[in-house]
Amino acid sequence: MPTITCVDTFVIRSLHAALALVFALPLVLASLSGALLGFARESDRIINVDLLSAPFSSAPVQRIEVLESVAQKQFPDLKIVETLPAKTAFDSTIFIMQDVQKNKYEVFIHTQTAEIRGSRLAADSFYAQVHRFHTTLVLGDVGSWITRLGALGLLLTTLSGLLLRRQSYQQSLSARLHPLLGMTAAPVLLVISTTSLLIAFSDSPSTWLHQLHTGELFGMPGRVLWVLASLAVPLLVYGGIASYRARKNPNALHTKAENHHV
């Protein structure tokens, strides 16, 4: 197995630092919004409880066809394109409706009483707003390319960080945190960055690819693990700064230790 020379290490370390410096801000923003996106739907339920939740009723559950007719009667100019049945007796049934300009709306109906709880533009949901920030940084096409380059930066930074994992210059606690946390989060970060690029450059990415990107493919444990890995990115940025300072001033720690003993 080939070994990494000092020159190779210097080149990889320089590349690792340059990538981290260039992509630090978009990576932190994308990772934090990605972590928030992991449970954005549950957060939406808390924020908009009147829409998504249905008060208890002893009335029998209405058939979907009945609820569809109520929604269609209330919004005759819209077309139903998707139906999301209530998962529990305390959830609203949601109809995704679309106008002639292809704008989508969410209509919430009480599954038992057929009462319309309310409606909103699909783009106004908490999940949609976080997703828009996560994928475009609210900068349109420019933001889309920034996040794509950020995903590429995350992929290359993670790979180069794995090659540097056994360096011994990190001595402070914050500096030692960087390689330790990086090694722990690396498998998930590699999956997130790779699937992000595949989704970004695919005309019609498959559902399983989206689920792999968010961790939903592995159920609740996967979602939690993916969120934790996303939250690790800001800590990795901080640890990288500490590592850089440790390399630039290696005697500072020894001086502090000597002063402490004195």
C-alpha atoms as a PDB file:
ATOM      1  CA  MET A   1       0.000   0.000   0.000  1.00  0.00           C
ATOM      2  CA  PRO A   2       1.574   3.359  -1.025  1.00  0.00           C
ATOM      3  CA  THR A   3       2.517   5.749   1.742  1.00  0.00           C
ATOM      4  CA  ILE A   4       1.875   9.475   1.825  1.00  0.00           C
ATOM      5  CA  THR A   5       5.087  11.525   1.733  1.00  0.00           C
ATOM      6  CA  CYS A   6       5.621  14.836   3.502  1.00  0.00           C
ATOM      7  CA  VAL A   7       5.159  16.656   0.203  1.00  0.00           C
ATOM      8  CA  ASP A   8       1.909  14.784  -0.456  1.00  0.00           C
ATOM      9  CA  THR A   9       0.734  15.588   3.046  1.00  0.00           C
ATOM     10  CA  PHE A  10       1.513  19.276   2.570  1.00  0.00           C
ATOM     11  CA  VAL A  11      -0.388  19.364  -0.745  1.00  0.00           C
ATOM     12  CA  ILE A  12      -3.401  17.528   0.667  1.00  0.00           C
ATOM     13  CA  ARG A  13      -3.409  19.682   3.803  1.00  0.00           C
ATOM     14  CA  SER A  14      -3.222  22.853   1.701  1.00  0.00           C
ATOM     15  CA  LEU A  15      -6.060  21.652  -0.518  1.00  0.00           C
ATOM     16  CA  HIS A  16      -8.101  20.670   2.538  1.00  0.00           C
ATOM     17  CA  ALA A  17      -7.620  24.087   4.128  1.00  0.00           C
ATOM     18  CA  ALA A  18      -8.317  25.972   0.889  1.00  0.00           C
ATOM     19  CA  LEU A  19     -11.555  24.074   0.252  1.00  0.00           C
ATOM     20  CA  ALA A  20     -12.685  24.592   3.838  1.00  0.00           C
ATOM     21  CA  LEU A  21     -11.906  28.318   3.630  1.00  0.00           C
ATOM     22  CA  VAL A  22     -13.665  28.867   0.290  1.00  0.00           C
ATOM     23  CA  PHE A  23     -16.776  26.857   1.127  1.00  0.00           C
ATOM     24  CA  ALA A  24     -17.010  27.485   4.883  1.00  0.00           C
ATOM     25  CA  LEU A  25     -19.977  29.881   4.798  1.00  0.00           C
ATOM     26  CA  PRO A  26     -22.180  28.047   2.249  1.00  0.00           C
ATOM     27  CA  LEU A  27     -21.394  24.711   3.908  1.00  0.00           C
ATOM     28  CA  VAL A  28     -22.379  26.001   7.352  1.00  0.00           C
ATOM     29  CA  LEU A  29     -25.601  27.529   5.995  1.00  0.00           C
ATOM     30  CA  ALA A  30     -26.484  24.432   3.966  1.00  0.00           C
ATOM     31  CA  SER A  31     -25.680  22.058   6.830  1.00  0.00           C
ATOM     32  CA  LEU A  32     -27.705  23.994   9.404  1.00  0.00           C
ATOM     33  CA  SER A  33     -30.680  24.305   7.041  1.00  0.00           C
ATOM     34  CA  GLY A  34     -30.273  20.615   6.158  1.00  0.00           C
ATOM     35  CA  ALA A  35     -30.414  19.696   9.837  1.00  0.00           C
ATOM     36  CA  LEU A  36     -33.533  21.835  10.234  1.00  0.00           C
ATOM     37  CA  LEU A  37     -35.008  20.245   7.118  1.00  0.00           C
ATOM     38  CA  GLY A  38     -34.698  16.805   8.699  1.00  0.00           C
ATOM     39  CA  PHE A  39     -37.635  17.552  10.981  1.00  0.00           C
ATOM     40  CA  ALA A  40     -39.197  20.479   9.124  1.00  0.00           C
ATOM     41  CA  ARG A  41     -42.492  18.661   8.601  1.00  0.00           C
ATOM     42  CA  GLU A  42     -42.824  17.972  12.307  1.00  0.00           C
ATOM     43  CA  SER A  43     -41.942  21.606  12.989  1.00  0.00           C
ATOM     44  CA  ASP A  44     -44.576  22.690  10.479  1.00  0.00           C
ATOM     45  CA  ARG A  45     -47.168  20.740  12.477  1.00  0.00           C
ATOM     46  CA  ILE A  46     -46.226  22.685  15.612  1.00  0.00           C
ATOM     47  CA  ILE A  47     -46.150  26.058  13.863  1.00  0.00           C
ATOM     48  CA  ASN A  48     -49.402  25.512  11.915  1.00  0.00           C
ATOM     49  CA  VAL A  49     -51.295  23.273  14.295  1.00  0.00           C
ATOM     50  CA  ASP A  50     -54.678  24.712  13.244  1.00  0.00           C
ATOM     51  CA  LEU A  51     -54.124  23.567   9.668  1.00  0.00           C
ATOM     52  CA  LEU A  52     -52.465  20.209  10.042  1.00  0.00           C
ATOM     53  CA  SER A  53     -54.275  18.959  13.130  1.00  0.00           C
ATOM     54  CA  ALA A  54     -57.950  18.043  13.341  1.00  0.00           C
ATOM     55  CA  PRO A  55     -59.976  18.460  16.554  1.00  0.00           C
ATOM     56  CA  PHE A  56     -61.458  15.283  18.004  1.00  0.00           C
ATOM     57  CA  SER A  57     -64.845  14.317  16.573  1.00  0.00           C
ATOM     58  CA  SER A  58     -67.107  11.320  17.126  1.00  0.00           C
ATOM     59  CA  ALA A  59     -68.363  11.541  13.537  1.00  0.00           C
ATOM     60  CA  PRO A  60     -67.438   8.674  11.198  1.00  0.00           C
ATOM     61  CA  VAL A  61     -64.497   9.026   8.841  1.00  0.00           C
ATOM     62  CA  GLN A  62     -65.586  10.391   5.474  1.00  0.00           C
ATOM     63  CA  ARG A  63     -64.654   8.669   2.247  1.00  0.00           C
ATOM     64  CA  ILE A  64     -61.896  10.281   0.193  1.00  0.00           C
ATOM     65  CA  GLU A  65     -64.360  10.873  -2.646  1.00  0.00           C
ATOM     66  CA  VAL A  66     -66.564  12.943  -0.326  1.00  0.00           C
ATOM     67  CA  LEU A  67     -63.612  15.027   0.841  1.00  0.00           C
ATOM     68  CA  GLU A  68     -62.486  15.513  -2.762  1.00  0.00           C
ATOM     69  CA  SER A  69     -65.899  16.847  -3.738  1.00  0.00           C
ATOM     70  CA  VAL A  70     -65.822  19.303  -0.825  1.00  0.00           C
ATOM     71  CA  ALA A  71     -62.393  20.577  -1.850  1.00  0.00           C
ATOM     72  CA  GLN A  72     -63.373  20.807  -5.502  1.00  0.00           C
ATOM     73  CA  LYS A  73     -66.584  22.670  -4.667  1.00  0.00           C
ATOM     74  CA  GLN A  74     -64.731  25.178  -2.479  1.00  0.00           C
ATOM     75  CA  PHE A  75     -61.977  25.721  -5.082  1.00  0.00           C
ATOM     76  CA  PRO A  76     -63.598  25.127  -8.493  1.00  0.00           C
ATOM     77  CA  ASP A  77     -60.724  26.779 -10.396  1.00  0.00           C
ATOM     78  CA  LEU A  78     -58.136  24.397  -8.985  1.00  0.00           C
ATOM     79  CA  LYS A  79     -57.362  20.811  -9.954  1.00  0.00           C
ATOM     80  CA  ILE A  80     -56.521  18.100  -7.427  1.00  0.00           C
ATOM     81  CA  VAL A  81     -53.106  16.634  -8.316  1.00  0.00           C
ATOM     82  CA  GLU A  82     -52.286  14.730  -5.127  1.00  0.00           C
ATOM     83  CA  THR A  83     -54.050  13.448  -2.028  1.00  0.00           C
ATOM     84  CA  LEU A  84     -52.375  12.950   1.355  1.00  0.00           C
ATOM     85  CA  PRO A  85     -54.770  10.981   3.589  1.00  0.00           C
ATOM     86  CA  ALA A  86     -54.729  11.646   7.320  1.00  0.00           C
ATOM     87  CA  LYS A  87     -52.355   9.297   9.133  1.00  0.00           C
ATOM     88  CA  THR A  88     -54.229   9.491  12.435  1.00  0.00           C
ATOM     89  CA  ALA A  89     -57.644  10.615  13.670  1.00  0.00           C
ATOM     90  CA  PHE A  90     -56.072  13.901  14.745  1.00  0.00           C
ATOM     91  CA  ASP A  91     -54.610  14.798  11.347  1.00  0.00           C
ATOM     92  CA  SER A  92     -56.134  16.733   8.482  1.00  0.00           C
ATOM     93  CA  THR A  93     -56.426  15.183   5.052  1.00  0.00           C
ATOM     94  CA  ILE A  94     -54.414  17.288   2.619  1.00  0.00           C
ATOM     95  CA  PHE A  95     -55.245  17.872  -1.030  1.00  0.00           C
ATOM     96  CA  ILE A  96     -52.566  19.333  -3.284  1.00  0.00           C
ATOM     97  CA  MET A  97     -54.362  21.473  -5.863  1.00  0.00           C
ATOM     98  CA  GLN A  98     -52.985  23.324  -8.862  1.00  0.00           C
ATOM     99  CA  ASP A  99     -54.110  26.316 -10.902  1.00  0.00           C
ATOM    100  CA  VAL A 100     -53.592  26.961 -14.608  1.00  0.00           C
ATOM    101  CA  GLN A 101     -50.276  28.710 -13.901  1.00  0.00           C
ATOM    102  CA  LYS A 102     -49.013  25.506 -12.222  1.00  0.00           C
ATOM    103  CA  ASN A 103     -49.039  27.118  -8.770  1.00  0.00           C
ATOM    104  CA  LYS A 104     -49.716  24.504  -6.112  1.00  0.00           C
ATOM    105  CA  TYR A 105     -51.907  24.936  -3.042  1.00  0.00           C
ATOM    106  CA  GLU A 106     -52.456  22.801   0.033  1.00  0.00           C
ATOM    107  CA  VAL A 107     -56.053  22.404   1.196  1.00  0.00           C
ATOM    108  CA  PHE A 108     -56.607  20.942   4.671  1.00  0.00           C
ATOM    109  CA  ILE A 109     -59.880  19.138   5.426  1.00  0.00           C
ATOM    110  CA  HIS A 110     -61.126  17.495   8.625  1.00  0.00           C
ATOM    111  CA  THR A 111     -61.322  13.808   7.779  1.00  0.00           C
ATOM    112  CA  GLN A 112     -64.451  13.197   9.850  1.00  0.00           C
ATOM    113  CA  THR A 113     -66.478  16.394   9.607  1.00  0.00           C
ATOM    114  CA  ALA A 114     -65.335  17.373   6.073  1.00  0.00           C
ATOM    115  CA  GLU A 115     -64.726  20.898   7.377  1.00  0.00           C
ATOM    116  CA  ILE A 116     -62.092  22.843   5.435  1.00  0.00           C
ATOM    117  CA  ARG A 117     -59.483  23.804   8.013  1.00  0.00           C
ATOM    118  CA  GLY A 118     -57.699  26.209   5.705  1.00  0.00           C
ATOM    119  CA  SER A 119     -55.447  26.474   2.669  1.00  0.00           C
ATOM    120  CA  ARG A 120     -52.098  27.952   1.674  1.00  0.00           C
ATOM    121  CA  LEU A 121     -49.627  28.097  -1.157  1.00  0.00           C
ATOM    122  CA  ALA A 122     -47.466  24.984  -1.049  1.00  0.00           C
ATOM    123  CA  ALA A 123     -44.426  27.252  -1.380  1.00  0.00           C
ATOM    124  CA  ASP A 124     -45.402  28.995   1.883  1.00  0.00           C
ATOM    125  CA  SER A 125     -45.096  25.886   4.053  1.00  0.00           C
ATOM    126  CA  PHE A 126     -42.285  25.815   6.597  1.00  0.00           C
ATOM    127  CA  TYR A 127     -40.770  22.772   4.877  1.00  0.00           C
ATOM    128  CA  ALA A 128     -40.822  24.486   1.464  1.00  0.00           C
ATOM    129  CA  GLN A 129     -39.201  27.640   2.815  1.00  0.00           C
ATOM    130  CA  VAL A 130     -36.399  25.727   4.553  1.00  0.00           C
ATOM    131  CA  HIS A 131     -35.926  23.554   1.464  1.00  0.00           C
ATOM    132  CA  ARG A 132     -35.675  26.652  -0.749  1.00  0.00           C
ATOM    133  CA  PHE A 133     -33.010  28.115   1.537  1.00  0.00           C
ATOM    134  CA  HIS A 134     -31.184  24.780   1.693  1.00  0.00           C
ATOM    135  CA  THR A 135     -31.015  24.375  -2.091  1.00  0.00           C
ATOM    136  CA  THR A 136     -30.645  27.973  -3.291  1.00  0.00           C
ATOM    137  CA  LEU A 137     -29.741  30.097  -0.229  1.00  0.00           C
ATOM    138  CA  VAL A 138     -32.639  32.257  -1.490  1.00  0.00           C
ATOM    139  CA  LEU A 139     -30.382  33.477  -4.306  1.00  0.00           C
ATOM    140  CA  GLY A 140     -32.108  31.794  -7.240  1.00  0.00           C
ATOM    141  CA  ASP A 141     -29.928  30.150  -9.892  1.00  0.00           C
ATOM    142  CA  VAL A 142     -26.774  31.697  -8.436  1.00  0.00           C
ATOM    143  CA  GLY A 143     -27.577  30.144  -5.064  1.00  0.00           C
ATOM    144  CA  SER A 144     -28.212  26.775  -6.714  1.00  0.00           C
ATOM    145  CA  TRP A 145     -24.712  26.773  -8.178  1.00  0.00           C
ATOM    146  CA  ILE A 146     -23.226  27.898  -4.874  1.00  0.00           C
ATOM    147  CA  THR A 147     -24.852  24.956  -3.076  1.00  0.00           C
ATOM    148  CA  ARG A 148     -23.726  22.569  -5.815  1.00  0.00           C
ATOM    149  CA  LEU A 149     -20.156  23.787  -5.506  1.00  0.00           C
ATOM    150  CA  GLY A 150     -20.559  23.560  -1.730  1.00  0.00           C
ATOM    151  CA  ALA A 151     -21.584  19.911  -2.039  1.00  0.00           C
ATOM    152  CA  LEU A 152     -18.528  19.266  -4.199  1.00  0.00           C
ATOM    153  CA  GLY A 153     -16.406  21.107  -1.644  1.00  0.00           C
ATOM    154  CA  LEU A 154     -17.849  18.967   1.161  1.00  0.00           C
ATOM    155  CA  LEU A 155     -17.053  15.800  -0.786  1.00  0.00           C
ATOM    156  CA  LEU A 156     -13.455  16.822  -1.505  1.00  0.00           C
ATOM    157  CA  THR A 157     -12.909  18.233   1.990  1.00  0.00           C
ATOM    158  CA  THR A 158     -14.164  15.037   3.604  1.00  0.00           C
ATOM    159  CA  LEU A 159     -11.978  12.838   1.395  1.00  0.00           C
ATOM    160  CA  SER A 160      -8.872  14.968   1.966  1.00  0.00           C
ATOM    161  CA  GLY A 161      -9.621  15.074   5.700  1.00  0.00           C
ATOM    162  CA  LEU A 162      -9.694  11.278   5.803  1.00  0.00           C
ATOM    163  CA  LEU A 163      -6.221  11.198   4.276  1.00  0.00           C
ATOM    164  CA  LEU A 164      -4.924  13.542   6.993  1.00  0.00           C
ATOM    165  CA  ARG A 165      -6.629  11.834   9.925  1.00  0.00           C
ATOM    166  CA  ARG A 166      -3.420  10.497  11.522  1.00  0.00           C
ATOM    167  CA  GLN A 167      -1.515  13.777  11.699  1.00  0.00           C
ATOM    168  CA  SER A 168      -0.108  14.395  15.178  1.00  0.00           C
ATOM    169  CA  TYR A 169       0.141  18.193  15.276  1.00  0.00           C
ATOM    170  CA  GLN A 170      -3.358  18.671  16.723  1.00  0.00           C
ATOM    171  CA  GLN A 171      -2.757  19.040  20.437  1.00  0.00           C
ATOM    172  CA  SER A 172      -5.477  21.259  21.884  1.00  0.00           C
ATOM    173  CA  LEU A 173      -8.859  19.802  22.774  1.00  0.00           C
ATOM    174  CA  SER A 174     -10.608  21.777  20.035  1.00  0.00           C
ATOM    175  CA  ALA A 175      -7.986  20.693  17.498  1.00  0.00           C
ATOM    176  CA  ARG A 176      -8.268  17.018  18.495  1.00  0.00           C
ATOM    177  CA  LEU A 177     -12.045  17.321  18.157  1.00  0.00           C
ATOM    178  CA  HIS A 178     -11.688  18.087  14.458  1.00  0.00           C
ATOM    179  CA  PRO A 179     -10.212  14.763  13.204  1.00  0.00           C
ATOM    180  CA  LEU A 180     -12.232  12.720  15.710  1.00  0.00           C
ATOM    181  CA  LEU A 181     -15.527  14.300  14.712  1.00  0.00           C
ATOM    182  CA  GLY A 182     -14.539  14.256  11.061  1.00  0.00           C
ATOM    183  CA  MET A 183     -13.835  10.524  11.104  1.00  0.00           C
ATOM    184  CA  THR A 184     -17.142   9.845  12.848  1.00  0.00           C
ATOM    185  CA  ALA A 185     -19.250  11.972  10.516  1.00  0.00           C
ATOM    186  CA  ALA A 186     -17.330  11.213   7.308  1.00  0.00           C
ATOM    187  CA  PRO A 187     -19.412   8.211   6.093  1.00  0.00           C
ATOM    188  CA  VAL A 188     -22.672  10.145   6.354  1.00  0.00           C
ATOM    189  CA  LEU A 189     -21.163  13.354   4.938  1.00  0.00           C
ATOM    190  CA  LEU A 190     -19.858  11.424   1.931  1.00  0.00           C
ATOM    191  CA  VAL A 191     -23.356  10.053   1.301  1.00  0.00           C
ATOM    192  CA  ILE A 192     -24.952  13.492   1.742  1.00  0.00           C
ATOM    193  CA  SER A 193     -22.507  15.264  -0.589  1.00  0.00           C
ATOM    194  CA  THR A 194     -22.561  12.549  -3.267  1.00  0.00           C
ATOM    195  CA  THR A 195     -26.354  12.252  -3.353  1.00  0.00           C
ATOM    196  CA  SER A 196     -26.643  16.057  -3.340  1.00  0.00           C
ATOM    197  CA  LEU A 197     -24.581  16.251  -6.526  1.00  0.00           C
ATOM    198  CA  LEU A 198     -26.517  13.398  -8.138  1.00  0.00           C
ATOM    199  CA  ILE A 199     -29.829  15.102  -7.345  1.00  0.00           C
ATOM    200  CA  ALA A 200     -28.607  18.520  -8.494  1.00  0.00           C
ATOM    201  CA  PHE A 201     -27.456  17.267 -11.908  1.00  0.00           C
ATOM    202  CA  SER A 202     -30.266  14.767 -12.516  1.00  0.00           C
ATOM    203  CA  ASP A 203     -33.335  15.662 -14.553  1.00  0.00           C
ATOM    204  CA  SER A 204     -35.628  13.406 -12.537  1.00  0.00           C
ATOM    205  CA  PRO A 205     -33.915  11.980  -9.442  1.00  0.00           C
ATOM    206  CA  SER A 206     -35.573   8.896  -7.996  1.00  0.00           C
ATOM    207  CA  THR A 207     -37.430   8.878  -4.697  1.00  0.00           C
ATOM    208  CA  TRP A 208     -34.917   6.540  -3.068  1.00  0.00           C
ATOM    209  CA  LEU A 209     -32.100   8.950  -3.927  1.00  0.00           C
ATOM    210  CA  HIS A 210     -33.912  11.764  -2.118  1.00  0.00           C
ATOM    211  CA  GLN A 211     -34.572   9.442   0.817  1.00  0.00           C
ATOM    212  CA  LEU A 212     -30.901   8.429   0.932  1.00  0.00           C
ATOM    213  CA  HIS A 213     -29.860  12.099   0.879  1.00  0.00           C
ATOM    214  CA  THR A 214     -32.088  12.892   3.868  1.00  0.00           C
ATOM    215  CA  GLY A 215     -31.635   9.604   5.742  1.00  0.00           C
ATOM    216  CA  GLU A 216     -35.354   8.790   5.441  1.00  0.00           C
ATOM    217  CA  LEU A 217     -34.389   5.564   3.678  1.00  0.00           C
ATOM    218  CA  PHE A 218     -33.362   4.206   7.095  1.00  0.00           C
ATOM    219  CA  GLY A 219     -36.389   5.476   9.010  1.00  0.00           C
ATOM    220  CA  MET A 220     -36.193   7.614  12.140  1.00  0.00           C
ATOM    221  CA  PRO A 221     -32.685   6.408  13.165  1.00  0.00           C
ATOM    222  CA  GLY A 222     -31.396   7.475   9.746  1.00  0.00           C
ATOM    223  CA  ARG A 223     -33.031  10.885   9.956  1.00  0.00           C
ATOM    224  CA  VAL A 224     -31.534  11.501  13.407  1.00  0.00           C
ATOM    225  CA  LEU A 225     -28.074  10.343  12.282  1.00  0.00           C
ATOM    226  CA  TRP A 226     -28.189  12.543   9.177  1.00  0.00           C
ATOM    227  CA  VAL A 227     -29.234  15.572  11.245  1.00  0.00           C
ATOM    228  CA  LEU A 228     -26.386  14.990  13.697  1.00  0.00           C
ATOM    229  CA  ALA A 229     -23.895  14.672  10.840  1.00  0.00           C
ATOM    230  CA  SER A 230     -25.175  17.954   9.366  1.00  0.00           C
ATOM    231  CA  LEU A 231     -24.781  19.679  12.720  1.00  0.00           C
ATOM    232  CA  ALA A 232     -21.206  18.368  12.865  1.00  0.00           C
ATOM    233  CA  VAL A 233     -20.166  20.549   9.898  1.00  0.00           C
ATOM    234  CA  PRO A 234     -20.062  23.865  11.847  1.00  0.00           C
ATOM    235  CA  LEU A 235     -18.075  22.110  14.571  1.00  0.00           C
ATOM    236  CA  LEU A 236     -15.679  20.761  11.950  1.00  0.00           C
ATOM    237  CA  VAL A 237     -15.179  24.291  10.640  1.00  0.00           C
ATOM    238  CA  TYR A 238     -14.367  25.488  14.151  1.00  0.00           C
ATOM    239  CA  GLY A 239     -12.048  22.529  14.747  1.00  0.00           C
ATOM    240  CA  GLY A 240     -10.330  23.201  11.426  1.00  0.00           C
ATOM    241  CA  ILE A 241      -9.593  26.767  12.513  1.00  0.00           C
ATOM    242  CA  ALA A 242      -8.164  25.449  15.784  1.00  0.00           C
ATOM    243  CA  SER A 243      -6.011  22.956  13.869  1.00  0.00           C
ATOM    244  CA  TYR A 244      -4.734  25.705  11.599  1.00  0.00           C
ATOM    245  CA  ARG A 245      -3.808  27.881  14.592  1.00  0.00           C
ATOM    246  CA  ALA A 246      -2.065  24.930  16.228  1.00  0.00           C
ATOM    247  CA  ARG A 247       0.087  24.377  13.140  1.00  0.00           C
ATOM    248  CA  LYS A 248       0.939  28.066  12.801  1.00  0.00           C
ATOM    249  CA  ASN A 249       1.905  28.450  16.457  1.00  0.00           C
ATOM    250  CA  PRO A 250       2.938  25.024  17.782  1.00  0.00           C
ATOM    251  CA  ASN A 251       4.859  26.515  20.743  1.00  0.00           C
ATOM    252  CA  ALA A 252       1.828  28.327  22.136  1.00  0.00           C
ATOM    253  CA  LEU A 253       0.413  25.224  23.749  1.00  0.00           C
ATOM    254  CA  HIS A 254       3.733  24.315  25.346  1.00  0.00           C
ATOM    255  CA  THR A 255       4.059  27.839  26.705  1.00  0.00           C
ATOM    256  CA  LYS A 256       0.557  27.677  28.189  1.00  0.00           C
ATOM    257  CA  ALA A 257       1.290  24.303  29.731  1.00  0.00           C
ATOM    258  CA  GLU A 258       4.550  25.567  31.277  1.00  0.00           C
ATOM    259  CA  ASN A 259       2.828  28.667  32.658  1.00  0.00           C
ATOM    260  CA  HIS A 260       0.124  26.489  34.142  1.00  0.00           C
ATOM    261  CA  HIS A 261       2.683  24.309  35.951  1.00  0.00           C
ATOM    262  CA  VAL A 262       4.511  27.362  37.243  1.00  0.00           C
END
